[in-house]
């Protein structure tokens, strides 16, 4: 499994995952995976979200696709992300190329404490 950045008890972020990582993600206790990487980013050299989603669901994981172009996070993305983390079971693993978009979306979507 890729190195994870644990943000809190409900959310961690990760760089790009592969199909082979999903069993370890499930075994680590995650219930939902959120993909923030567009399929065509970097020419689509990484695993397509549909393949990851299909495999994740086979393993009993929820999967949510919210592609965000680097540097272009907007209020709509934040709102959709917030709805996902509030309605899908946790803990949640969010990923993108390096994990930064997922982390930023989570930080912007959670209520200020």
C-alpha atoms as a PDB file:
ATOM      1  CA  UNK A   1       0.000   0.000   0.000  1.00  0.00           C
ATOM      2  CA  UNK A   2       1.148   3.536  -0.699  1.00  0.00           C
ATOM      3  CA  UNK A   3       2.254   5.754   2.204  1.00  0.00           C
ATOM      4  CA  UNK A   4      -0.779   7.375   3.811  1.00  0.00           C
ATOM      5  CA  UNK A   5      -1.108  10.762   5.445  1.00  0.00           C
ATOM      6  CA  UNK A   6      -3.492  10.405   8.379  1.00  0.00           C
ATOM      7  CA  UNK A   7      -5.443  13.627   8.835  1.00  0.00           C
ATOM      8  CA  UNK A   8      -7.748  12.418  11.631  1.00  0.00           C
ATOM      9  CA  UNK A   9      -9.617   9.281  12.706  1.00  0.00           C
ATOM     10  CA  UNK A  10     -11.987   9.531   9.724  1.00  0.00           C
ATOM     11  CA  UNK A  11      -9.724  10.571   6.845  1.00  0.00           C
ATOM     12  CA  UNK A  12      -6.359   9.782   5.303  1.00  0.00           C
ATOM     13  CA  UNK A  13      -4.920  10.816   1.950  1.00  0.00           C
ATOM     14  CA  UNK A  14      -2.712   8.878  -0.422  1.00  0.00           C
ATOM     15  CA  UNK A  15      -0.854   9.205  -3.685  1.00  0.00           C
ATOM     16  CA  UNK A  16      -2.284   7.338  -6.689  1.00  0.00           C
ATOM     17  CA  UNK A  17      -3.422   3.831  -5.778  1.00  0.00           C
ATOM     18  CA  UNK A  18      -3.500   0.706  -7.928  1.00  0.00           C
ATOM     19  CA  UNK A  19      -5.946  -2.195  -8.031  1.00  0.00           C
ATOM     20  CA  UNK A  20      -3.490  -4.260  -5.992  1.00  0.00           C
ATOM     21  CA  UNK A  21      -3.626  -1.693  -3.170  1.00  0.00           C
ATOM     22  CA  UNK A  22      -7.371  -2.047  -2.604  1.00  0.00           C
ATOM     23  CA  UNK A  23      -7.256  -5.292  -0.595  1.00  0.00           C
ATOM     24  CA  UNK A  24      -4.708  -3.693   1.764  1.00  0.00           C
ATOM     25  CA  UNK A  25      -6.841  -0.543   1.992  1.00  0.00           C
ATOM     26  CA  UNK A  26      -9.845  -2.666   2.952  1.00  0.00           C
ATOM     27  CA  UNK A  27      -7.763  -4.711   5.420  1.00  0.00           C
ATOM     28  CA  UNK A  28      -6.535  -1.467   7.021  1.00  0.00           C
ATOM     29  CA  UNK A  29     -10.145  -0.700   7.949  1.00  0.00           C
ATOM     30  CA  UNK A  30     -11.119   1.882   5.346  1.00  0.00           C
ATOM     31  CA  UNK A  31     -14.757   1.776   4.259  1.00  0.00           C
ATOM     32  CA  UNK A  32     -14.736   4.370   1.453  1.00  0.00           C
ATOM     33  CA  UNK A  33     -12.269   5.428  -1.240  1.00  0.00           C
ATOM     34  CA  UNK A  34     -12.551   8.841  -2.905  1.00  0.00           C
ATOM     35  CA  UNK A  35     -10.742   9.445  -6.191  1.00  0.00           C
ATOM     36  CA  UNK A  36      -9.845  13.084  -6.890  1.00  0.00           C
ATOM     37  CA  UNK A  37      -7.707  12.392  -9.957  1.00  0.00           C
ATOM     38  CA  UNK A  38      -9.151  12.827 -13.469  1.00  0.00           C
ATOM     39  CA  UNK A  39      -8.743   9.679 -15.557  1.00  0.00           C
ATOM     40  CA  UNK A  40      -7.026  11.595 -18.375  1.00  0.00           C
ATOM     41  CA  UNK A  41      -4.484  13.350 -16.135  1.00  0.00           C
ATOM     42  CA  UNK A  42      -0.907  12.715 -17.283  1.00  0.00           C
ATOM     43  CA  UNK A  43      -2.231  10.988 -20.378  1.00  0.00           C
ATOM     44  CA  UNK A  44      -4.162   8.411 -18.360  1.00  0.00           C
ATOM     45  CA  UNK A  45      -1.062   6.367 -17.500  1.00  0.00           C
ATOM     46  CA  UNK A  46      -2.549   5.530 -14.078  1.00  0.00           C
ATOM     47  CA  UNK A  47      -5.379   3.133 -13.221  1.00  0.00           C
ATOM     48  CA  UNK A  48      -8.788   4.247 -14.494  1.00  0.00           C
ATOM     49  CA  UNK A  49     -11.264   5.075 -11.728  1.00  0.00           C
ATOM     50  CA  UNK A  50     -13.892   2.698 -13.157  1.00  0.00           C
ATOM     51  CA  UNK A  51     -11.555  -0.274 -12.752  1.00  0.00           C
ATOM     52  CA  UNK A  52     -10.646   0.819  -9.228  1.00  0.00           C
ATOM     53  CA  UNK A  53     -14.315   1.382  -8.380  1.00  0.00           C
ATOM     54  CA  UNK A  54     -15.339  -2.054  -9.643  1.00  0.00           C
ATOM     55  CA  UNK A  55     -12.597  -3.760  -7.649  1.00  0.00           C
ATOM     56  CA  UNK A  56     -13.310  -1.668  -4.545  1.00  0.00           C
ATOM     57  CA  UNK A  57     -17.004  -2.568  -4.615  1.00  0.00           C
ATOM     58  CA  UNK A  58     -16.129  -6.257  -4.998  1.00  0.00           C
ATOM     59  CA  UNK A  59     -14.152  -5.911  -1.760  1.00  0.00           C
ATOM     60  CA  UNK A  60     -17.085  -4.203  -0.002  1.00  0.00           C
ATOM     61  CA  UNK A  61     -15.663  -0.683  -0.209  1.00  0.00           C
ATOM     62  CA  UNK A  62     -17.663   2.361  -1.221  1.00  0.00           C
ATOM     63  CA  UNK A  63     -16.114   4.445  -4.014  1.00  0.00           C
ATOM     64  CA  UNK A  64     -16.723   8.072  -4.989  1.00  0.00           C
ATOM     65  CA  UNK A  65     -15.273   9.762  -8.071  1.00  0.00           C
ATOM     66  CA  UNK A  66     -14.769  13.513  -7.820  1.00  0.00           C
ATOM     67  CA  UNK A  67     -12.083  14.477 -10.358  1.00  0.00           C
ATOM     68  CA  UNK A  68     -10.335  17.784  -9.721  1.00  0.00           C
ATOM     69  CA  UNK A  69      -7.757  19.392 -11.995  1.00  0.00           C
ATOM     70  CA  UNK A  70      -4.648  20.408 -10.011  1.00  0.00           C
ATOM     71  CA  UNK A  71      -4.896  23.993  -8.775  1.00  0.00           C
ATOM     72  CA  UNK A  72      -8.589  24.279  -9.673  1.00  0.00           C
ATOM     73  CA  UNK A  73     -10.452  23.266  -6.513  1.00  0.00           C
ATOM     74  CA  UNK A  74     -13.657  25.293  -6.311  1.00  0.00           C
ATOM     75  CA  UNK A  75     -16.616  25.629  -3.935  1.00  0.00           C
ATOM     76  CA  UNK A  76     -18.620  23.042  -5.879  1.00  0.00           C
ATOM     77  CA  UNK A  77     -15.855  20.460  -5.423  1.00  0.00           C
ATOM     78  CA  UNK A  78     -15.682  21.250  -1.709  1.00  0.00           C
ATOM     79  CA  UNK A  79     -19.463  20.943  -1.348  1.00  0.00           C
ATOM     80  CA  UNK A  80     -19.564  17.578  -3.174  1.00  0.00           C
ATOM     81  CA  UNK A  81     -16.639  16.303  -1.124  1.00  0.00           C
ATOM     82  CA  UNK A  82     -18.316  17.414   2.102  1.00  0.00           C
ATOM     83  CA  UNK A  83     -21.514  15.568   1.162  1.00  0.00           C
ATOM     84  CA  UNK A  84     -19.505  12.443   0.365  1.00  0.00           C
ATOM     85  CA  UNK A  85     -17.615  12.371   3.664  1.00  0.00           C
ATOM     86  CA  UNK A  86     -20.816  13.076   5.595  1.00  0.00           C
ATOM     87  CA  UNK A  87     -22.868  10.351   3.901  1.00  0.00           C
ATOM     88  CA  UNK A  88     -20.411   7.577   3.035  1.00  0.00           C
ATOM     89  CA  UNK A  89     -19.033   5.272   5.744  1.00  0.00           C
ATOM     90  CA  UNK A  90     -15.689   6.051   7.295  1.00  0.00           C
ATOM     91  CA  UNK A  91     -12.890   5.894   7.667  1.00  0.00           C
ATOM     92  CA  UNK A  92     -12.264   7.348   4.213  1.00  0.00           C
ATOM     93  CA  UNK A  93      -9.161   7.231   2.031  1.00  0.00           C
ATOM     94  CA  UNK A  94      -8.891  10.017  -0.536  1.00  0.00           C
ATOM     95  CA  UNK A  95      -6.321   9.866  -3.307  1.00  0.00           C
ATOM     96  CA  UNK A  96      -4.984  11.783  -6.273  1.00  0.00           C
ATOM     97  CA  UNK A  97      -1.534  11.960  -7.887  1.00  0.00           C
ATOM     98  CA  UNK A  98       0.310  12.923  -4.683  1.00  0.00           C
ATOM     99  CA  UNK A  99      -2.525  13.091  -2.138  1.00  0.00           C
ATOM    100  CA  UNK A 100      -2.556  16.897  -1.865  1.00  0.00           C
ATOM    101  CA  UNK A 101      -5.892  17.565  -3.631  1.00  0.00           C
ATOM    102  CA  UNK A 102      -7.604  14.971  -1.447  1.00  0.00           C
ATOM    103  CA  UNK A 103      -6.071  16.478   1.686  1.00  0.00           C
ATOM    104  CA  UNK A 104      -6.984  20.033   0.662  1.00  0.00           C
ATOM    105  CA  UNK A 105     -10.566  19.069  -0.165  1.00  0.00           C
ATOM    106  CA  UNK A 106     -10.955  17.378   3.203  1.00  0.00           C
ATOM    107  CA  UNK A 107      -9.499  20.328   5.098  1.00  0.00           C
ATOM    108  CA  UNK A 108     -11.801  22.756   3.286  1.00  0.00           C
ATOM    109  CA  UNK A 109     -14.879  20.516   3.664  1.00  0.00           C
ATOM    110  CA  UNK A 110     -14.729  19.793   7.367  1.00  0.00           C
ATOM    111  CA  UNK A 111     -16.210  22.251   9.828  1.00  0.00           C
ATOM    112  CA  UNK A 112     -13.883  24.625  11.600  1.00  0.00           C
ATOM    113  CA  UNK A 113     -13.233  23.546  15.185  1.00  0.00           C
END
